[in-house]
Amino acid sequence: EYLKGPMYWHEDKLQGILPQYPGEPIYMDNKLTSNVVGNLKTFSSNELAFLSFLFFGIGLYGNLMFNVYDPQWISVATGNDFNV
Protein backbone atom coordinates (compact mmCIF):
# COMPACT_ATOMS: atom_id res chain seq x y z
CA GLU A 1 0.00 0.00 0.00
CA TYR A 2 2.85 2.41 0.60
CA LEU A 3 3.52 2.53 -3.15
CA LYS A 4 0.16 4.24 -3.65
CA GLY A 5 1.53 7.42 -2.03
CA PRO A 6 0.41 9.58 0.89
CA MET A 7 -2.82 10.67 -0.83
CA TYR A 8 -4.18 7.14 -0.72
CA TRP A 9 -6.93 7.24 1.86
CA HIS A 10 -8.42 4.27 3.62
CA GLU A 11 -10.36 4.18 6.86
CA ASP A 12 -8.15 1.43 8.27
CA LYS A 13 -5.13 3.76 8.13
CA LEU A 14 -6.65 6.31 10.56
CA GLN A 15 -5.03 6.43 13.99
CA GLY A 16 -5.54 8.45 17.13
CA ILE A 17 -8.36 10.68 18.32
CA LEU A 18 -8.20 13.31 15.55
CA PRO A 19 -6.67 11.69 12.47
CA GLN A 20 -5.10 13.83 9.78
CA TYR A 21 -6.69 13.54 6.35
CA PRO A 22 -4.52 13.72 3.22
CA GLY A 23 -4.49 17.07 1.44
CA GLU A 24 -5.94 19.05 4.35
CA PRO A 25 -3.99 21.55 6.50
CA ILE A 26 -2.66 20.08 9.73
CA TYR A 27 -3.86 21.67 12.97
CA MET A 28 -2.19 21.26 16.36
CA ASP A 29 -3.63 23.05 19.40
CA ASN A 30 -6.10 24.77 17.03
CA LYS A 31 -3.20 26.43 15.16
CA LEU A 32 -1.97 25.71 11.65
CA THR A 33 1.37 23.97 11.55
CA SER A 34 4.23 25.01 9.30
CA ASN A 35 3.35 22.20 6.90
CA VAL A 36 0.75 24.49 5.34
CA VAL A 37 3.40 26.61 3.61
CA GLY A 38 4.65 23.53 1.78
CA ASN A 39 7.77 23.99 -0.33
CA LEU A 40 8.20 27.64 0.67
CA LYS A 41 9.53 26.64 4.08
CA THR A 42 12.75 25.39 2.47
CA PHE A 43 13.47 28.72 0.68
CA SER A 44 15.95 31.04 2.34
CA SER A 45 15.34 34.77 2.53
CA ASN A 46 18.06 35.35 -0.06
CA GLU A 47 16.34 33.06 -2.53
CA LEU A 48 12.98 34.74 -1.95
CA ALA A 49 14.59 38.17 -2.44
CA PHE A 50 16.20 36.97 -5.67
CA LEU A 51 12.87 35.66 -6.97
CA SER A 52 11.15 38.90 -5.98
CA PHE A 53 13.65 41.01 -7.91
CA LEU A 54 13.56 38.60 -10.85
CA PHE A 55 9.78 38.74 -11.21
CA PHE A 56 9.75 42.50 -10.60
CA GLY A 57 12.27 42.93 -13.43
CA ILE A 58 10.24 40.74 -15.77
CA GLY A 59 7.08 42.69 -14.99
CA LEU A 60 8.80 46.04 -15.36
CA TYR A 61 10.28 44.99 -18.70
CA GLY A 62 6.85 43.90 -19.95
CA ASN A 63 5.20 47.08 -18.76
CA LEU A 64 7.84 49.32 -20.36
CA MET A 65 7.72 47.39 -23.62
CA PHE A 66 3.91 47.64 -23.74
CA ASN A 67 3.65 51.32 -22.85
CA VAL A 68 6.95 53.06 -23.71
CA TYR A 69 9.26 51.32 -26.17
CA ASP A 70 6.58 49.74 -28.39
CA PRO A 71 3.40 51.64 -27.45
CA GLN A 72 0.32 49.55 -28.02
CA TRP A 73 -2.43 52.02 -27.10
CA ILE A 74 -1.58 54.44 -29.92
CA SER A 75 -2.41 51.88 -32.60
CA VAL A 76 -5.59 50.88 -30.74
CA ALA A 77 -6.67 54.53 -30.40
CA THR A 78 -6.31 55.01 -34.14
CA GLY A 79 -8.62 52.04 -34.80
CA ASN A 80 -6.00 49.37 -35.50
CA ASP A 81 -5.31 46.11 -33.67
CA PHE A 82 -2.60 45.58 -31.10
CA ASN A 83 0.97 45.28 -32.46
CA VAL A 84 1.22 41.53 -32.13
PDB file of N, CA and C in Angstrom:
ATOM      1  N   GLU A   1       0.809  -1.211   0.000  1.00  0.00           N
ATOM      2  CA  GLU A   1       0.000   0.000   0.000  1.00  0.00           C
ATOM      3  C   GLU A   1       0.843   1.262   0.000  1.00  0.00           C
ATOM      4  N   TYR A   2       2.060   1.196   0.517  1.00  0.00           N
ATOM      5  CA  TYR A   2       2.855   2.411   0.598  1.00  0.00           C
ATOM      6  C   TYR A   2       3.248   2.929  -0.780  1.00  0.00           C
ATOM      7  N   LEU A   3       3.196   2.095  -1.811  1.00  0.00           N
ATOM      8  CA  LEU A   3       3.517   2.533  -3.151  1.00  0.00           C
ATOM      9  C   LEU A   3       2.435   3.436  -3.739  1.00  0.00           C
ATOM     10  N   LYS A   4       1.252   3.430  -3.142  1.00  0.00           N
ATOM     11  CA  LYS A   4       0.156   4.245  -3.649  1.00  0.00           C
ATOM     12  C   LYS A   4       0.312   5.713  -3.257  1.00  0.00           C
ATOM     13  N   GLY A   5       1.247   6.044  -2.393  1.00  0.00           N
ATOM     14  CA  GLY A   5       1.526   7.425  -2.035  1.00  0.00           C
ATOM     15  C   GLY A   5       0.738   7.884  -0.828  1.00  0.00           C
ATOM     16  N   PRO A   6       1.064   9.083  -0.326  1.00  0.00           N
ATOM     17  CA  PRO A   6       0.414   9.581   0.887  1.00  0.00           C
ATOM     18  C   PRO A   6      -1.028  10.017   0.674  1.00  0.00           C
ATOM     19  N   MET A   7      -1.458  10.228  -0.583  1.00  0.00           N
ATOM     20  CA  MET A   7      -2.824  10.673  -0.826  1.00  0.00           C
ATOM     21  C   MET A   7      -3.808   9.511  -0.884  1.00  0.00           C
ATOM     22  N   TYR A   8      -3.298   8.291  -0.740  1.00  0.00           N
ATOM     23  CA  TYR A   8      -4.184   7.137  -0.723  1.00  0.00           C
ATOM     24  C   TYR A   8      -4.874   7.095   0.631  1.00  0.00           C
ATOM     25  N   TRP A   9      -6.183   7.184   0.611  1.00  0.00           N
ATOM     26  CA  TRP A   9      -6.933   7.244   1.862  1.00  0.00           C
ATOM     27  C   TRP A   9      -7.708   5.960   2.053  1.00  0.00           C
ATOM     28  N   HIS A  10      -7.609   5.433   3.256  1.00  0.00           N
ATOM     29  CA  HIS A  10      -8.423   4.268   3.622  1.00  0.00           C
ATOM     30  C   HIS A  10      -8.728   4.388   5.097  1.00  0.00           C
ATOM     31  N   GLU A  11      -9.931   3.996   5.477  1.00  0.00           N
ATOM     32  CA  GLU A  11     -10.357   4.181   6.865  1.00  0.00           C
ATOM     33  C   GLU A  11      -9.551   3.340   7.835  1.00  0.00           C
ATOM     34  N   ASP A  12      -8.954   2.253   7.373  1.00  0.00           N
ATOM     35  CA  ASP A  12      -8.152   1.426   8.265  1.00  0.00           C
ATOM     36  C   ASP A  12      -6.813   2.083   8.616  1.00  0.00           C
ATOM     37  N   LYS A  13      -6.406   3.111   7.872  1.00  0.00           N
ATOM     38  CA  LYS A  13      -5.134   3.758   8.135  1.00  0.00           C
ATOM     39  C   LYS A  13      -5.248   4.865   9.183  1.00  0.00           C
ATOM     40  N   LEU A  14      -6.468   5.230   9.592  1.00  0.00           N
ATOM     41  CA  LEU A  14      -6.651   6.307  10.556  1.00  0.00           C
ATOM     42  C   LEU A  14      -6.216   5.860  11.940  1.00  0.00           C
ATOM     43  N   GLN A  15      -5.497   6.738  12.651  1.00  0.00           N
ATOM     44  CA  GLN A  15      -5.032   6.426  13.991  1.00  0.00           C
ATOM     45  C   GLN A  15      -5.274   7.616  14.895  1.00  0.00           C
ATOM     46  N   GLY A  16      -5.433   7.380  16.152  1.00  0.00           N
ATOM     47  CA  GLY A  16      -5.542   8.448  17.133  1.00  0.00           C
ATOM     48  C   GLY A  16      -6.945   9.009  17.240  1.00  0.00           C
ATOM     49  N   ILE A  17      -7.060  10.064  18.048  1.00  0.00           N
ATOM     50  CA  ILE A  17      -8.357  10.682  18.324  1.00  0.00           C
ATOM     51  C   ILE A  17      -8.787  11.553  17.153  1.00  0.00           C
ATOM     52  N   LEU A  18      -7.907  12.441  16.686  1.00  0.00           N
ATOM     53  CA  LEU A  18      -8.195  13.307  15.546  1.00  0.00           C
ATOM     54  C   LEU A  18      -7.230  12.968  14.421  1.00  0.00           C
ATOM     55  N   PRO A  19      -7.598  12.064  13.550  1.00  0.00           N
ATOM     56  CA  PRO A  19      -6.668  11.694  12.472  1.00  0.00           C
ATOM     57  C   PRO A  19      -6.516  12.828  11.475  1.00  0.00           C
ATOM     58  N   GLN A  20      -5.383  12.816  10.791  1.00  0.00           N
ATOM     59  CA  GLN A  20      -5.099  13.834   9.781  1.00  0.00           C
ATOM     60  C   GLN A  20      -5.446  13.261   8.415  1.00  0.00           C
ATOM     61  N   TYR A  21      -6.261  13.990   7.662  1.00  0.00           N
ATOM     62  CA  TYR A  21      -6.688  13.538   6.353  1.00  0.00           C
ATOM     63  C   TYR A  21      -5.736  14.054   5.282  1.00  0.00           C
ATOM     64  N   PRO A  22      -5.460  13.278   4.261  1.00  0.00           N
ATOM     65  CA  PRO A  22      -4.519  13.722   3.221  1.00  0.00           C
ATOM     66  C   PRO A  22      -5.039  14.944   2.469  1.00  0.00           C
ATOM     67  N   GLY A  23      -4.140  15.896   2.204  1.00  0.00           N
ATOM     68  CA  GLY A  23      -4.492  17.071   1.435  1.00  0.00           C
ATOM     69  C   GLY A  23      -5.104  18.200   2.229  1.00  0.00           C
ATOM     70  N   GLU A  24      -5.368  17.996   3.508  1.00  0.00           N
ATOM     71  CA  GLU A  24      -5.940  19.048   4.351  1.00  0.00           C
ATOM     72  C   GLU A  24      -4.852  19.651   5.233  1.00  0.00           C
ATOM     73  N   PRO A  25      -4.978  20.943   5.601  1.00  0.00           N
ATOM     74  CA  PRO A  25      -3.989  21.548   6.499  1.00  0.00           C
ATOM     75  C   PRO A  25      -3.982  20.842   7.850  1.00  0.00           C
ATOM     76  N   ILE A  26      -2.806  20.769   8.456  1.00  0.00           N
ATOM     77  CA  ILE A  26      -2.660  20.085   9.731  1.00  0.00           C
ATOM     78  C   ILE A  26      -2.786  21.108  10.858  1.00  0.00           C
ATOM     79  N   TYR A  27      -3.656  20.815  11.817  1.00  0.00           N
ATOM     80  CA  TYR A  27      -3.857  21.672  12.973  1.00  0.00           C
ATOM     81  C   TYR A  27      -3.322  20.971  14.210  1.00  0.00           C
ATOM     82  N   MET A  28      -2.601  21.741  15.046  1.00  0.00           N
ATOM     83  CA  MET A  28      -2.191  21.264  16.362  1.00  0.00           C
ATOM     84  C   MET A  28      -2.481  22.374  17.349  1.00  0.00           C
ATOM     85  N   ASP A  29      -3.199  22.065  18.404  1.00  0.00           N
ATOM     86  CA  ASP A  29      -3.632  23.046  19.396  1.00  0.00           C
ATOM     87  C   ASP A  29      -4.408  24.175  18.740  1.00  0.00           C
ATOM     88  N   ASN A  30      -5.276  23.828  17.789  1.00  0.00           N
ATOM     89  CA  ASN A  30      -6.103  24.774  17.031  1.00  0.00           C
ATOM     90  C   ASN A  30      -5.296  25.834  16.301  1.00  0.00           C
ATOM     91  N   LYS A  31      -4.040  25.532  15.949  1.00  0.00           N
ATOM     92  CA  LYS A  31      -3.199  26.429  15.159  1.00  0.00           C
ATOM     93  C   LYS A  31      -2.679  25.645  13.965  1.00  0.00           C
ATOM     94  N   LEU A  32      -2.533  26.350  12.824  1.00  0.00           N
ATOM     95  CA  LEU A  32      -1.975  25.708  11.649  1.00  0.00           C
ATOM     96  C   LEU A  32      -0.499  25.436  11.864  1.00  0.00           C
ATOM     97  N   THR A  33      -0.050  24.274  11.441  1.00  0.00           N
ATOM     98  CA  THR A  33       1.368  23.966  11.547  1.00  0.00           C
ATOM     99  C   THR A  33       2.111  24.552  10.360  1.00  0.00           C
ATOM    100  N   SER A  34       3.419  24.449  10.371  1.00  0.00           N
ATOM    101  CA  SER A  34       4.226  25.012   9.296  1.00  0.00           C
ATOM    102  C   SER A  34       4.129  24.179   8.029  1.00  0.00           C
ATOM    103  N   ASN A  35       3.488  23.026   8.095  1.00  0.00           N
ATOM    104  CA  ASN A  35       3.352  22.198   6.901  1.00  0.00           C
ATOM    105  C   ASN A  35       2.433  22.834   5.868  1.00  0.00           C
ATOM    106  N   VAL A  36       1.677  23.850   6.255  1.00  0.00           N
ATOM    107  CA  VAL A  36       0.753  24.490   5.339  1.00  0.00           C
ATOM    108  C   VAL A  36       1.504  25.255   4.256  1.00  0.00           C
ATOM    109  N   VAL A  37       2.659  25.823   4.584  1.00  0.00           N
ATOM    110  CA  VAL A  37       3.398  26.613   3.615  1.00  0.00           C
ATOM    111  C   VAL A  37       4.067  25.739   2.556  1.00  0.00           C
ATOM    112  N   GLY A  38       4.154  24.461   2.781  1.00  0.00           N
ATOM    113  CA  GLY A  38       4.647  23.529   1.784  1.00  0.00           C
ATOM    114  C   GLY A  38       6.098  23.754   1.431  1.00  0.00           C
ATOM    115  N   ASN A  39       6.377  23.880   0.128  1.00  0.00           N
ATOM    116  CA  ASN A  39       7.767  23.990  -0.326  1.00  0.00           C
ATOM    117  C   ASN A  39       8.408  25.324   0.033  1.00  0.00           C
ATOM    118  N   LEU A  40       7.618  26.339   0.366  1.00  0.00           N
ATOM    119  CA  LEU A  40       8.201  27.643   0.670  1.00  0.00           C
ATOM    120  C   LEU A  40       8.993  27.633   1.964  1.00  0.00           C
ATOM    121  N   LYS A  41       8.797  26.641   2.823  1.00  0.00           N
ATOM    122  CA  LYS A  41       9.534  26.637   4.082  1.00  0.00           C
ATOM    123  C   LYS A  41      11.003  26.278   3.876  1.00  0.00           C
ATOM    124  N   THR A  42      11.365  25.732   2.721  1.00  0.00           N
ATOM    125  CA  THR A  42      12.755  25.394   2.468  1.00  0.00           C
ATOM    126  C   THR A  42      13.495  26.511   1.740  1.00  0.00           C
ATOM    127  N   PHE A  43      12.819  27.591   1.333  1.00  0.00           N
ATOM    128  CA  PHE A  43      13.468  28.716   0.678  1.00  0.00           C
ATOM    129  C   PHE A  43      14.109  29.611   1.720  1.00  0.00           C
ATOM    130  N   SER A  44      15.322  30.065   1.452  1.00  0.00           N
ATOM    131  CA  SER A  44      15.948  31.038   2.342  1.00  0.00           C
ATOM    132  C   SER A  44      15.469  32.437   1.967  1.00  0.00           C
ATOM    133  N   SER A  45      15.765  33.400   2.821  1.00  0.00           N
ATOM    134  CA  SER A  45      15.336  34.769   2.529  1.00  0.00           C
ATOM    135  C   SER A  45      16.084  35.327   1.325  1.00  0.00           C
ATOM    136  N   ASN A  46      17.326  34.893   1.115  1.00  0.00           N
ATOM    137  CA  ASN A  46      18.063  35.353  -0.060  1.00  0.00           C
ATOM    138  C   ASN A  46      17.428  34.843  -1.342  1.00  0.00           C
ATOM    139  N   GLU A  47      16.990  33.610  -1.338  1.00  0.00           N
ATOM    140  CA  GLU A  47      16.339  33.058  -2.529  1.00  0.00           C
ATOM    141  C   GLU A  47      15.016  33.751  -2.804  1.00  0.00           C
ATOM    142  N   LEU A  48      14.243  34.037  -1.762  1.00  0.00           N
ATOM    143  CA  LEU A  48      12.979  34.741  -1.949  1.00  0.00           C
ATOM    144  C   LEU A  48      13.213  36.162  -2.447  1.00  0.00           C
ATOM    145  N   ALA A  49      14.268  36.828  -1.953  1.00  0.00           N
ATOM    146  CA  ALA A  49      14.586  38.172  -2.436  1.00  0.00           C
ATOM    147  C   ALA A  49      15.000  38.120  -3.900  1.00  0.00           C
ATOM    148  N   PHE A  50      15.795  37.114  -4.268  1.00  0.00           N
ATOM    149  CA  PHE A  50      16.198  36.969  -5.667  1.00  0.00           C
ATOM    150  C   PHE A  50      14.988  36.771  -6.567  1.00  0.00           C
ATOM    151  N   LEU A  51      14.071  35.898  -6.166  1.00  0.00           N
ATOM    152  CA  LEU A  51      12.875  35.659  -6.974  1.00  0.00           C
ATOM    153  C   LEU A  51      12.000  36.903  -7.053  1.00  0.00           C
ATOM    154  N   SER A  52      11.933  37.666  -5.956  1.00  0.00           N
ATOM    155  CA  SER A  52      11.150  38.904  -5.975  1.00  0.00           C
ATOM    156  C   SER A  52      11.713  39.899  -6.978  1.00  0.00           C
ATOM    157  N   PHE A  53      13.024  40.088  -6.953  1.00  0.00           N
ATOM    158  CA  PHE A  53      13.645  41.009  -7.911  1.00  0.00           C
ATOM    159  C   PHE A  53      13.539  40.490  -9.341  1.00  0.00           C
ATOM    160  N   LEU A  54      13.658  39.181  -9.513  1.00  0.00           N
ATOM    161  CA  LEU A  54      13.555  38.604 -10.847  1.00  0.00           C
ATOM    162  C   LEU A  54      12.177  38.858 -11.450  1.00  0.00           C
ATOM    163  N   PHE A  55      11.132  38.549 -10.693  1.00  0.00           N
ATOM    164  CA  PHE A  55       9.778  38.739 -11.215  1.00  0.00           C
ATOM    165  C   PHE A  55       9.419  40.221 -11.332  1.00  0.00           C
ATOM    166  N   PHE A  56       9.959  41.062 -10.457  1.00  0.00           N
ATOM    167  CA  PHE A  56       9.747  42.498 -10.604  1.00  0.00           C
ATOM    168  C   PHE A  56      10.380  42.992 -11.902  1.00  0.00           C
ATOM    169  N   GLY A  57      11.596  42.528 -12.192  1.00  0.00           N
ATOM    170  CA  GLY A  57      12.271  42.933 -13.431  1.00  0.00           C
ATOM    171  C   GLY A  57      11.527  42.468 -14.663  1.00  0.00           C
ATOM    172  N   ILE A  58      11.006  41.239 -14.625  1.00  0.00           N
ATOM    173  CA  ILE A  58      10.243  40.736 -15.773  1.00  0.00           C
ATOM    174  C   ILE A  58       8.972  41.567 -15.976  1.00  0.00           C
ATOM    175  N   GLY A  59       8.287  41.880 -14.889  1.00  0.00           N
ATOM    176  CA  GLY A  59       7.078  42.687 -14.991  1.00  0.00           C
ATOM    177  C   GLY A  59       7.356  44.097 -15.444  1.00  0.00           C
ATOM    178  N   LEU A  60       8.437  44.694 -14.940  1.00  0.00           N
ATOM    179  CA  LEU A  60       8.800  46.043 -15.356  1.00  0.00           C
ATOM    180  C   LEU A  60       9.174  46.077 -16.834  1.00  0.00           C
ATOM    181  N   TYR A  61       9.919  45.081 -17.285  1.00  0.00           N
ATOM    182  CA  TYR A  61      10.278  44.989 -18.700  1.00  0.00           C
ATOM    183  C   TYR A  61       9.021  44.890 -19.570  1.00  0.00           C
ATOM    184  N   GLY A  62       8.075  44.044 -19.183  1.00  0.00           N
ATOM    185  CA  GLY A  62       6.848  43.899 -19.946  1.00  0.00           C
ATOM    186  C   GLY A  62       6.028  45.175 -19.968  1.00  0.00           C
ATOM    187  N   ASN A  63       5.956  45.835 -18.834  1.00  0.00           N
ATOM    188  CA  ASN A  63       5.200  47.081 -18.758  1.00  0.00           C
ATOM    189  C   ASN A  63       5.838  48.166 -19.618  1.00  0.00           C
ATOM    190  N   LEU A  64       7.163  48.302 -19.545  1.00  0.00           N
ATOM    191  CA  LEU A  64       7.839  49.319 -20.357  1.00  0.00           C
ATOM    192  C   LEU A  64       7.739  49.001 -21.840  1.00  0.00           C
ATOM    193  N   MET A  65       7.844  47.749 -22.216  1.00  0.00           N
ATOM    194  CA  MET A  65       7.716  47.387 -23.624  1.00  0.00           C
ATOM    195  C   MET A  65       6.310  47.687 -24.127  1.00  0.00           C
ATOM    196  N   PHE A  66       5.300  47.448 -23.320  1.00  0.00           N
ATOM    197  CA  PHE A  66       3.914  47.639 -23.743  1.00  0.00           C
ATOM    198  C   PHE A  66       3.552  49.116 -23.842  1.00  0.00           C
ATOM    199  N   ASN A  67       4.081  49.924 -22.915  1.00  0.00           N
ATOM    200  CA  ASN A  67       3.647  51.324 -22.846  1.00  0.00           C
ATOM    201  C   ASN A  67       4.640  52.333 -23.395  1.00  0.00           C
ATOM    202  N   VAL A  68       5.953  52.047 -23.377  1.00  0.00           N
ATOM    203  CA  VAL A  68       6.952  53.061 -23.708  1.00  0.00           C
ATOM    204  C   VAL A  68       7.675  52.734 -25.000  1.00  0.00           C
ATOM    205  N   TYR A  69       8.378  51.607 -25.033  1.00  0.00           N
ATOM    206  CA  TYR A  69       9.259  51.316 -26.167  1.00  0.00           C
ATOM    207  C   TYR A  69       8.511  50.853 -27.413  1.00  0.00           C
ATOM    208  N   ASP A  70       7.414  50.153 -27.255  1.00  0.00           N
ATOM    209  CA  ASP A  70       6.584  49.744 -28.389  1.00  0.00           C
ATOM    210  C   ASP A  70       5.136  50.013 -27.998  1.00  0.00           C
ATOM    211  N   PRO A  71       4.718  51.287 -27.997  1.00  0.00           N
ATOM    212  CA  PRO A  71       3.400  51.640 -27.455  1.00  0.00           C
ATOM    213  C   PRO A  71       2.257  50.953 -28.201  1.00  0.00           C
ATOM    214  N   GLN A  72       1.425  50.289 -27.446  1.00  0.00           N
ATOM    215  CA  GLN A  72       0.317  49.545 -28.018  1.00  0.00           C
ATOM    216  C   GLN A  72      -0.955  50.384 -28.107  1.00  0.00           C
ATOM    217  N   TRP A  73      -1.155  51.301 -27.164  1.00  0.00           N
ATOM    218  CA  TRP A  73      -2.430  52.022 -27.101  1.00  0.00           C
ATOM    219  C   TRP A  73      -2.581  53.041 -28.226  1.00  0.00           C
ATOM    220  N   ILE A  74      -1.481  53.478 -28.813  1.00  0.00           N
ATOM    221  CA  ILE A  74      -1.575  54.440 -29.922  1.00  0.00           C
ATOM    222  C   ILE A  74      -2.229  53.787 -31.133  1.00  0.00           C
ATOM    223  N   SER A  75      -1.804  52.567 -31.444  1.00  0.00           N
ATOM    224  CA  SER A  75      -2.413  51.883 -32.597  1.00  0.00           C
ATOM    225  C   SER A  75      -3.863  51.509 -32.316  1.00  0.00           C
ATOM    226  N   VAL A  76      -4.188  51.211 -31.070  1.00  0.00           N
ATOM    227  CA  VAL A  76      -5.586  50.884 -30.737  1.00  0.00           C
ATOM    228  C   VAL A  76      -6.441  52.137 -30.805  1.00  0.00           C
ATOM    229  N   ALA A  77      -5.916  53.277 -30.366  1.00  0.00           N
ATOM    230  CA  ALA A  77      -6.673  54.533 -30.398  1.00  0.00           C
ATOM    231  C   ALA A  77      -6.946  54.998 -31.826  1.00  0.00           C
ATOM    232  N   THR A  78      -6.088  54.632 -32.750  1.00  0.00           N
ATOM    233  CA  THR A  78      -6.307  55.007 -34.145  1.00  0.00           C
ATOM    234  C   THR A  78      -7.198  54.011 -34.883  1.00  0.00           C
ATOM    235  N   GLY A  79      -7.690  52.985 -34.206  1.00  0.00           N
ATOM    236  CA  GLY A  79      -8.620  52.038 -34.799  1.00  0.00           C
ATOM    237  C   GLY A  79      -7.985  50.769 -35.306  1.00  0.00           C
ATOM    238  N   ASN A  80      -6.689  50.583 -35.074  1.00  0.00           N
ATOM    239  CA  ASN A  80      -6.005  49.370 -35.497  1.00  0.00           C
ATOM    240  C   ASN A  80      -5.999  48.335 -34.382  1.00  0.00           C
ATOM    241  N   ASP A  81      -5.462  47.161 -34.678  1.00  0.00           N
ATOM    242  CA  ASP A  81      -5.305  46.113 -33.666  1.00  0.00           C
ATOM    243  C   ASP A  81      -4.012  46.359 -32.891  1.00  0.00           C
ATOM    244  N   PHE A  82      -3.847  45.535 -31.837  1.00  0.00           N
ATOM    245  CA  PHE A  82      -2.596  45.581 -31.099  1.00  0.00           C
ATOM    246  C   PHE A  82      -1.445  45.179 -32.013  1.00  0.00           C
ATOM    247  N   ASN A  83      -0.232  45.665 -31.709  1.00  0.00           N
ATOM    248  CA  ASN A  83       0.965  45.282 -32.464  1.00  0.00           C
ATOM    249  C   ASN A  83       1.411  43.901 -31.981  1.00  0.00           C
ATOM    250  N   VAL A  84       0.884  42.880 -32.583  1.00  0.00           N
ATOM    251  CA  VAL A  84       1.219  41.530 -32.129  1.00  0.00           C
ATOM    252  C   VAL A  84       2.312  40.958 -32.984  1.00  0.00           C
TER     253      VAL A  84
END
